[in-house]
Amino acid sequence: LSAVHCMCPAYGLKEPHWLIEYIEHHLAAGVSHLHVYDFNLHELRLQSTIQEYQKQGVITNHDWSVKASGGYTNRVAYEHAKWAASTDC
């Protein structure tokens, strides 16, 4: 039996240790794969962390930025975007 977890859209993180702790917590709880909705995790250390977990096959990173979503995740539609990401899994 395996479990997959969808992380709500992530934004505002500046330090990778929060993301690492979140991922490792879920892995320890038995989750085998996580879907990360990346709203603005563009800081180099965060991107390096995401890439490392992707190499391990642990996460799928979804670029959920305003640019990548064609404006769908802008401030006006953000609440709807969070719902869409949460139900996408």
C-alpha atoms as a PDB file:
ATOM      1  CA  LEU A   1       0.000   0.000   0.000  1.00  0.00           C
ATOM      2  CA  SER A   2       1.338   3.436  -0.882  1.00  0.00           C
ATOM      3  CA  ALA A   3       0.032   6.910  -0.215  1.00  0.00           C
ATOM      4  CA  VAL A   4       0.394  10.073  -2.265  1.00  0.00           C
ATOM      5  CA  HIS A   5       0.089  13.526  -0.734  1.00  0.00           C
ATOM      6  CA  CYS A   6      -0.712  16.809  -2.472  1.00  0.00           C
ATOM      7  CA  MET A   7       0.811  19.849  -0.821  1.00  0.00           C
ATOM      8  CA  CYS A   8      -1.260  23.029  -0.918  1.00  0.00           C
ATOM      9  CA  PRO A   9       0.314  25.710  -3.111  1.00  0.00           C
ATOM     10  CA  ALA A  10       3.591  26.744  -1.501  1.00  0.00           C
ATOM     11  CA  TYR A  11       4.549  30.378  -1.397  1.00  0.00           C
ATOM     12  CA  GLY A  12       6.605  32.691   0.759  1.00  0.00           C
ATOM     13  CA  LEU A  13       9.200  30.128   1.827  1.00  0.00           C
ATOM     14  CA  LYS A  14      12.691  31.597   2.081  1.00  0.00           C
ATOM     15  CA  GLU A  15      14.555  28.738   3.774  1.00  0.00           C
ATOM     16  CA  PRO A  16      14.694  25.163   2.453  1.00  0.00           C
ATOM     17  CA  HIS A  17      14.614  23.565   5.907  1.00  0.00           C
ATOM     18  CA  TRP A  18      10.825  24.111   6.112  1.00  0.00           C
ATOM     19  CA  LEU A  19      10.285  22.269   2.843  1.00  0.00           C
ATOM     20  CA  ILE A  20      12.695  19.489   3.844  1.00  0.00           C
ATOM     21  CA  GLU A  21      10.938  19.073   7.193  1.00  0.00           C
ATOM     22  CA  TYR A  22       7.528  18.933   5.491  1.00  0.00           C
ATOM     23  CA  ILE A  23       8.650  16.332   2.942  1.00  0.00           C
ATOM     24  CA  GLU A  24      10.555  14.192   5.462  1.00  0.00           C
ATOM     25  CA  HIS A  25       7.617  14.263   7.893  1.00  0.00           C
ATOM     26  CA  HIS A  26       5.275  12.882   5.248  1.00  0.00           C
ATOM     27  CA  LEU A  27       7.792  10.276   4.090  1.00  0.00           C
ATOM     28  CA  ALA A  28       8.206   9.099   7.696  1.00  0.00           C
ATOM     29  CA  ALA A  29       4.418   8.859   7.985  1.00  0.00           C
ATOM     30  CA  GLY A  30       4.313   6.451   5.037  1.00  0.00           C
ATOM     31  CA  VAL A  31       3.665   8.763   2.113  1.00  0.00           C
ATOM     32  CA  SER A  32       5.601   7.467  -0.883  1.00  0.00           C
ATOM     33  CA  HIS A  33       5.193  10.457  -3.216  1.00  0.00           C
ATOM     34  CA  LEU A  34       4.306  14.129  -2.865  1.00  0.00           C
ATOM     35  CA  HIS A  35       2.941  16.606  -5.390  1.00  0.00           C
ATOM     36  CA  VAL A  36       4.325  20.079  -4.675  1.00  0.00           C
ATOM     37  CA  TYR A  37       2.457  23.053  -6.103  1.00  0.00           C
ATOM     38  CA  ASP A  38       5.192  25.670  -6.413  1.00  0.00           C
ATOM     39  CA  PHE A  39       3.626  29.136  -6.320  1.00  0.00           C
ATOM     40  CA  ASN A  40       6.851  31.101  -5.853  1.00  0.00           C
ATOM     41  CA  LEU A  41       9.615  28.846  -4.568  1.00  0.00           C
ATOM     42  CA  HIS A  42      12.183  30.344  -6.910  1.00  0.00           C
ATOM     43  CA  GLU A  43      14.973  30.955  -4.393  1.00  0.00           C
ATOM     44  CA  LEU A  44      18.046  28.983  -5.516  1.00  0.00           C
ATOM     45  CA  ARG A  45      18.335  26.863  -2.354  1.00  0.00           C
ATOM     46  CA  LEU A  46      14.658  25.924  -2.537  1.00  0.00           C
ATOM     47  CA  GLN A  47      14.987  24.974  -6.193  1.00  0.00           C
ATOM     48  CA  SER A  48      18.046  22.827  -5.360  1.00  0.00           C
ATOM     49  CA  THR A  49      16.050  21.064  -2.646  1.00  0.00           C
ATOM     50  CA  ILE A  50      13.143  20.440  -5.009  1.00  0.00           C
ATOM     51  CA  GLN A  51      15.483  19.127  -7.707  1.00  0.00           C
ATOM     52  CA  GLU A  52      17.167  16.722  -5.285  1.00  0.00           C
ATOM     53  CA  TYR A  53      13.854  15.210  -4.212  1.00  0.00           C
ATOM     54  CA  GLN A  54      12.785  15.014  -7.867  1.00  0.00           C
ATOM     55  CA  LYS A  55      15.966  13.046  -8.682  1.00  0.00           C
ATOM     56  CA  GLN A  56      15.031  10.623  -5.906  1.00  0.00           C
ATOM     57  CA  GLY A  57      11.555  10.237  -7.427  1.00  0.00           C
ATOM     58  CA  VAL A  58       9.931  11.447  -4.204  1.00  0.00           C
ATOM     59  CA  ILE A  59       8.151  14.552  -5.496  1.00  0.00           C
ATOM     60  CA  THR A  60       6.510  15.908  -8.596  1.00  0.00           C
ATOM     61  CA  ASN A  61       6.878  19.673  -8.790  1.00  0.00           C
ATOM     62  CA  HIS A  62       4.051  21.619 -10.434  1.00  0.00           C
ATOM     63  CA  ASP A  63       4.938  25.176 -11.430  1.00  0.00           C
ATOM     64  CA  TRP A  64       1.923  27.035 -10.073  1.00  0.00           C
ATOM     65  CA  SER A  65       3.274  30.547 -10.660  1.00  0.00           C
ATOM     66  CA  VAL A  66       1.178  33.279 -12.230  1.00  0.00           C
ATOM     67  CA  LYS A  67       3.349  33.161 -15.358  1.00  0.00           C
ATOM     68  CA  ALA A  68       3.248  29.372 -15.781  1.00  0.00           C
ATOM     69  CA  SER A  69      -0.498  29.208 -15.104  1.00  0.00           C
ATOM     70  CA  GLY A  70      -1.313  31.873 -17.669  1.00  0.00           C
ATOM     71  CA  GLY A  71      -2.548  34.176 -14.924  1.00  0.00           C
ATOM     72  CA  TYR A  72      -4.837  31.575 -13.340  1.00  0.00           C
ATOM     73  CA  THR A  73      -3.154  31.868  -9.942  1.00  0.00           C
ATOM     74  CA  ASN A  74      -3.193  35.666  -9.750  1.00  0.00           C
ATOM     75  CA  ARG A  75      -4.399  37.319  -6.547  1.00  0.00           C
ATOM     76  CA  VAL A  76      -8.015  37.560  -7.697  1.00  0.00           C
ATOM     77  CA  ALA A  77      -8.270  33.856  -8.540  1.00  0.00           C
ATOM     78  CA  TYR A  78      -5.837  32.573  -5.912  1.00  0.00           C
ATOM     79  CA  GLU A  79      -8.464  30.994  -3.614  1.00  0.00           C
ATOM     80  CA  HIS A  80      -9.909  29.096  -6.563  1.00  0.00           C
ATOM     81  CA  ALA A  81      -6.381  28.092  -7.599  1.00  0.00           C
ATOM     82  CA  LYS A  82      -5.719  26.640  -4.127  1.00  0.00           C
ATOM     83  CA  TRP A  83      -8.903  24.596  -4.381  1.00  0.00           C
ATOM     84  CA  ALA A  84      -7.941  23.367  -7.842  1.00  0.00           C
ATOM     85  CA  ALA A  85      -4.488  22.311  -6.654  1.00  0.00           C
ATOM     86  CA  SER A  86      -5.930  20.557  -3.600  1.00  0.00           C
ATOM     87  CA  THR A  87      -8.403  18.558  -5.673  1.00  0.00           C
ATOM     88  CA  ASP A  88      -6.022  17.872  -8.579  1.00  0.00           C
ATOM     89  CA  CYS A  89      -4.466  14.795  -6.987  1.00  0.00           C
END
